[in-house]
Amino acid sequence: MNFRLNPLRAKLVVSMGELDRFEFCGHGIILGKQQKDWQEVDKLLGMFGKR
């Protein structure tokens, strides 16, 4: 899932730690720090193992 690093590569955020707060990245949603109705976290994580 290297595409999740695009905001970092584009210098829209200055560190990996900021990715979880970046509005247009699902990183924070997957980590449980944000919630969006459109992101099916359990379904996504189920593809890779248990939460």
Protein backbone atom coordinates (compact mmCIF):
# COMPACT_ATOMS: atom_id res chain seq x y z
CA MET A 1 0.00 0.00 0.00
CA ASN A 2 2.66 2.47 -0.96
CA PHE A 3 0.02 4.87 -2.30
CA ARG A 4 -0.74 5.78 1.31
CA LEU A 5 2.64 7.49 1.41
CA ASN A 6 1.79 9.83 -1.48
CA PRO A 7 0.99 12.82 0.79
CA LEU A 8 4.43 12.40 2.38
CA ARG A 9 6.18 12.09 -0.98
CA ALA A 10 4.32 15.15 -2.29
CA LYS A 11 5.36 17.05 0.87
CA LEU A 12 1.75 17.69 1.86
CA VAL A 13 2.78 16.43 5.30
CA VAL A 14 6.27 16.63 6.78
CA SER A 15 6.41 13.32 8.63
CA MET A 16 4.91 9.83 8.80
CA GLY A 17 3.27 10.88 12.07
CA GLU A 18 1.19 13.48 10.25
CA LEU A 19 -0.34 10.96 7.84
CA ASP A 20 -2.93 9.90 10.42
CA ARG A 21 -4.27 13.47 10.52
CA PHE A 22 -4.22 14.12 6.76
CA GLU A 23 -7.83 14.46 5.62
CA PHE A 24 -7.45 12.77 2.24
CA CYS A 25 -5.52 9.72 3.41
CA GLY A 26 -7.09 6.62 4.96
CA HIS A 27 -4.08 6.01 7.20
CA GLY A 28 -5.67 7.57 10.31
CA ILE A 29 -8.93 5.74 9.69
CA ILE A 30 -7.20 2.37 9.54
CA LEU A 31 -5.29 3.19 12.74
CA GLY A 32 -8.58 4.09 14.45
CA LYS A 33 -7.67 7.76 14.95
CA GLN A 34 -10.38 9.01 12.58
CA GLN A 35 -13.72 7.69 11.45
CA LYS A 36 -15.28 8.06 8.01
CA ASP A 37 -18.51 6.37 6.95
CA TRP A 38 -17.12 5.49 3.53
CA GLN A 39 -14.10 3.51 4.83
CA GLU A 40 -14.89 -0.12 5.65
CA VAL A 41 -11.99 -0.70 8.04
CA ASP A 42 -13.02 -4.16 9.24
CA LYS A 43 -13.48 -5.37 5.68
CA LEU A 44 -10.11 -3.94 4.65
CA LEU A 45 -8.23 -5.34 7.63
CA GLY A 46 -9.98 -8.68 7.15
CA MET A 47 -8.14 -9.03 3.86
CA PHE A 48 -4.81 -8.89 5.70
CA GLY A 49 -5.58 -10.59 9.01
CA LYS A 50 -7.13 -9.68 12.31
CA ARG A 51 -7.22 -6.24 13.84
